[in-house]
N, C-alpha and C. Protein backbone atom coordinates (compact mmCIF):
# COMPACT_ATOMS: atom_id res chain seq x y z
N MET A 1 111.04 84.33 76.95
CA MET A 1 109.78 84.98 76.64
C MET A 1 110.07 86.47 76.42
N ASN A 2 109.63 87.01 75.31
CA ASN A 2 109.82 88.43 75.02
C ASN A 2 108.63 89.23 75.51
N TYR A 3 108.92 90.42 76.01
CA TYR A 3 107.87 91.30 76.49
C TYR A 3 107.97 92.63 75.76
N GLU A 4 106.82 93.20 75.49
CA GLU A 4 106.77 94.54 74.94
C GLU A 4 106.28 95.46 76.03
N SER A 5 106.78 96.67 76.04
CA SER A 5 106.24 97.64 76.97
C SER A 5 105.42 98.65 76.18
N ARG A 6 104.42 99.19 76.83
CA ARG A 6 103.53 100.18 76.23
C ARG A 6 103.43 101.36 77.18
N ARG A 7 103.31 102.53 76.63
CA ARG A 7 103.13 103.73 77.43
C ARG A 7 101.64 104.05 77.44
N ILE A 8 101.08 104.27 78.64
CA ILE A 8 99.67 104.62 78.74
C ILE A 8 99.53 105.91 79.53
N THR A 9 98.43 106.55 79.37
CA THR A 9 98.10 107.75 80.14
C THR A 9 96.84 107.45 80.92
N ILE A 10 96.85 107.73 82.21
CA ILE A 10 95.65 107.53 83.01
C ILE A 10 95.28 108.87 83.66
N SER A 11 94.01 109.03 83.92
CA SER A 11 93.51 110.28 84.47
C SER A 11 93.91 110.42 85.94
N TYR A 12 93.80 111.64 86.43
CA TYR A 12 94.10 111.91 87.83
C TYR A 12 93.15 111.12 88.74
N LEU A 13 91.87 111.02 88.33
CA LEU A 13 90.92 110.24 89.13
C LEU A 13 91.32 108.77 89.18
N ALA A 14 91.86 108.25 88.08
CA ALA A 14 92.32 106.87 88.08
C ALA A 14 93.51 106.70 89.01
N VAL A 15 94.39 107.69 89.06
CA VAL A 15 95.54 107.64 89.98
C VAL A 15 95.05 107.62 91.43
N ILE A 16 94.08 108.46 91.74
CA ILE A 16 93.54 108.49 93.10
C ILE A 16 92.95 107.13 93.46
N GLU A 17 92.18 106.55 92.53
CA GLU A 17 91.56 105.24 92.78
C GLU A 17 92.64 104.15 92.95
N LEU A 18 93.66 104.20 92.12
CA LEU A 18 94.77 103.24 92.21
C LEU A 18 95.47 103.36 93.56
N CYS A 19 95.68 104.58 94.00
CA CYS A 19 96.33 104.80 95.30
C CYS A 19 95.47 104.26 96.44
N LYS A 20 94.15 104.42 96.33
CA LYS A 20 93.26 103.88 97.36
C LYS A 20 93.32 102.36 97.39
N ILE A 21 93.30 101.75 96.21
CA ILE A 21 93.29 100.29 96.12
C ILE A 21 94.53 99.69 96.76
N PHE A 22 95.71 100.29 96.48
CA PHE A 22 96.97 99.73 96.95
C PHE A 22 97.56 100.48 98.14
N ASP A 23 96.76 101.35 98.74
CA ASP A 23 97.19 102.11 99.92
C ASP A 23 98.51 102.84 99.66
N LEU A 24 98.55 103.55 98.54
CA LEU A 24 99.73 104.33 98.16
C LEU A 24 99.46 105.81 98.40
N PRO A 25 100.50 106.59 98.68
CA PRO A 25 100.29 108.04 98.75
C PRO A 25 100.00 108.58 97.35
N GLN A 26 99.26 109.69 97.27
CA GLN A 26 98.90 110.23 95.95
C GLN A 26 100.11 110.76 95.19
N ASP A 27 101.21 110.98 95.88
CA ASP A 27 102.43 111.42 95.19
C ASP A 27 103.41 110.26 95.01
N ALA A 28 102.87 109.05 94.95
CA ALA A 28 103.71 107.86 94.77
C ALA A 28 104.50 107.97 93.47
N PRO A 29 105.70 107.39 93.43
CA PRO A 29 106.50 107.45 92.20
C PRO A 29 105.83 106.68 91.06
N THR A 30 106.17 107.06 89.86
CA THR A 30 105.59 106.45 88.67
C THR A 30 105.76 104.94 88.67
N GLN A 31 106.89 104.45 89.15
CA GLN A 31 107.13 103.01 89.16
C GLN A 31 106.11 102.29 90.04
N ALA A 32 105.73 102.90 91.15
CA ALA A 32 104.74 102.29 92.05
C ALA A 32 103.38 102.26 91.38
N LEU A 33 103.02 103.33 90.68
CA LEU A 33 101.75 103.36 89.97
C LEU A 33 101.74 102.32 88.84
N SER A 34 102.86 102.21 88.13
CA SER A 34 102.96 101.22 87.06
C SER A 34 102.79 99.81 87.61
N ALA A 35 103.42 99.54 88.74
CA ALA A 35 103.30 98.22 89.36
C ALA A 35 101.85 97.94 89.74
N GLY A 36 101.15 98.95 90.24
CA GLY A 36 99.75 98.79 90.59
C GLY A 36 98.89 98.49 89.39
N VAL A 37 99.12 99.20 88.28
CA VAL A 37 98.37 98.96 87.05
C VAL A 37 98.64 97.55 86.55
N GLU A 38 99.90 97.14 86.55
CA GLU A 38 100.23 95.78 86.10
C GLU A 38 99.55 94.73 86.97
N LYS A 39 99.56 94.95 88.28
CA LYS A 39 98.94 93.99 89.18
C LYS A 39 97.44 93.89 88.89
N LEU A 40 96.78 95.02 88.66
CA LEU A 40 95.36 95.00 88.33
C LEU A 40 95.11 94.23 87.03
N ILE A 41 95.94 94.49 86.04
CA ILE A 41 95.77 93.82 84.75
C ILE A 41 95.92 92.32 84.90
N PHE A 42 96.97 91.88 85.56
CA PHE A 42 97.23 90.45 85.65
C PHE A 42 96.32 89.72 86.63
N GLN A 43 95.84 90.41 87.66
CA GLN A 43 94.96 89.75 88.62
C GLN A 43 93.50 89.79 88.20
N HIS A 44 93.09 90.88 87.53
CA HIS A 44 91.67 91.07 87.27
C HIS A 44 91.33 91.18 85.79
N GLY A 45 92.30 91.12 84.93
CA GLY A 45 92.04 91.31 83.52
C GLY A 45 91.90 90.04 82.73
N ASN A 46 91.86 88.90 83.40
CA ASN A 46 91.75 87.61 82.71
C ASN A 46 92.84 87.45 81.66
N VAL A 47 94.04 87.87 82.00
CA VAL A 47 95.15 87.79 81.06
C VAL A 47 95.70 86.37 81.08
N GLN A 48 95.88 85.82 79.89
CA GLN A 48 96.44 84.49 79.76
C GLN A 48 97.64 84.57 78.84
N ALA A 49 98.66 83.82 79.15
CA ALA A 49 99.84 83.79 78.29
C ALA A 49 99.47 83.05 77.02
N LEU A 50 99.59 83.73 75.90
CA LEU A 50 99.29 83.13 74.61
C LEU A 50 100.55 83.08 73.77
N PRO A 51 100.71 82.05 72.97
CA PRO A 51 101.88 82.02 72.09
C PRO A 51 101.80 83.17 71.09
N LYS A 52 102.94 83.73 70.76
CA LYS A 52 102.97 84.84 69.83
C LYS A 52 102.61 84.34 68.43
N VAL A 53 101.66 84.98 67.84
CA VAL A 53 101.20 84.62 66.50
C VAL A 53 101.91 85.52 65.50
N GLU A 54 102.44 84.93 64.46
CA GLU A 54 103.21 85.68 63.48
C GLU A 54 102.35 86.53 62.56
N THR A 55 101.08 86.15 62.38
CA THR A 55 100.22 86.93 61.50
C THR A 55 99.66 88.13 62.25
N ALA A 56 99.35 89.18 61.51
CA ALA A 56 98.80 90.39 62.12
C ALA A 56 97.36 90.12 62.56
N GLN A 57 97.06 90.53 63.78
CA GLN A 57 95.71 90.38 64.31
C GLN A 57 95.26 91.72 64.87
N SER A 58 93.98 91.97 64.80
CA SER A 58 93.48 93.19 65.42
C SER A 58 93.31 92.92 66.92
N THR A 59 93.59 93.91 67.72
CA THR A 59 93.46 93.79 69.16
C THR A 59 92.09 94.33 69.56
N GLN A 60 91.35 93.52 70.29
CA GLN A 60 90.02 93.91 70.75
C GLN A 60 90.09 94.26 72.23
N PRO A 61 89.38 95.32 72.65
CA PRO A 61 89.39 95.67 74.07
C PRO A 61 88.62 94.65 74.90
N ASN A 62 89.01 94.53 76.14
CA ASN A 62 88.29 93.68 77.09
C ASN A 62 87.09 94.50 77.58
N LYS A 63 85.97 94.36 76.88
CA LYS A 63 84.81 95.22 77.13
C LYS A 63 84.23 95.02 78.52
N SER A 64 84.22 93.80 79.02
CA SER A 64 83.66 93.58 80.36
C SER A 64 84.54 94.24 81.43
N ALA A 65 85.85 94.18 81.25
CA ALA A 65 86.74 94.81 82.23
C ALA A 65 86.61 96.33 82.16
N LEU A 66 86.51 96.88 80.94
CA LEU A 66 86.33 98.32 80.80
C LEU A 66 85.01 98.78 81.42
N SER A 67 83.97 98.01 81.23
CA SER A 67 82.67 98.34 81.80
C SER A 67 82.74 98.33 83.32
N ALA A 68 83.42 97.35 83.89
CA ALA A 68 83.57 97.27 85.33
C ALA A 68 84.36 98.46 85.86
N MET A 69 85.40 98.88 85.12
CA MET A 69 86.19 100.03 85.56
C MET A 69 85.35 101.30 85.54
N VAL A 70 84.54 101.49 84.51
CA VAL A 70 83.68 102.67 84.42
C VAL A 70 82.67 102.68 85.56
N THR A 71 82.09 101.53 85.84
CA THR A 71 81.12 101.43 86.93
C THR A 71 81.78 101.79 88.25
N ASN A 72 83.01 101.30 88.48
CA ASN A 72 83.72 101.61 89.72
C ASN A 72 84.03 103.10 89.83
N PHE A 73 84.39 103.74 88.72
CA PHE A 73 84.69 105.17 88.75
C PHE A 73 83.43 105.99 88.98
N LYS A 74 82.31 105.57 88.42
CA LYS A 74 81.05 106.28 88.66
C LYS A 74 80.66 106.20 90.12
N GLY A 75 80.93 105.04 90.73
CA GLY A 75 80.63 104.88 92.14
C GLY A 75 81.54 105.71 93.04
N ALA A 76 82.77 105.95 92.58
CA ALA A 76 83.74 106.71 93.38
C ALA A 76 83.52 108.21 93.24
N ALA A 77 82.89 108.63 92.17
CA ALA A 77 82.73 110.06 91.91
C ALA A 77 81.66 110.69 92.75
């Protein structure tokens, strides 16, 4: 199975929330934060292994997951 990696940028508030969720120090190494993000995606993002399609497809955001994340951040602020 081939995997692609992607680089993302998250806000400082998202880092604080991630550290709270996984009980990490706020100065946790990048690898620990990456592992936390991956765990959130795979546990809560309804990610399913799909066969790779050879034709080009547009990628649509998971709107319900994004909405839930925004709601959680509003509650934390």
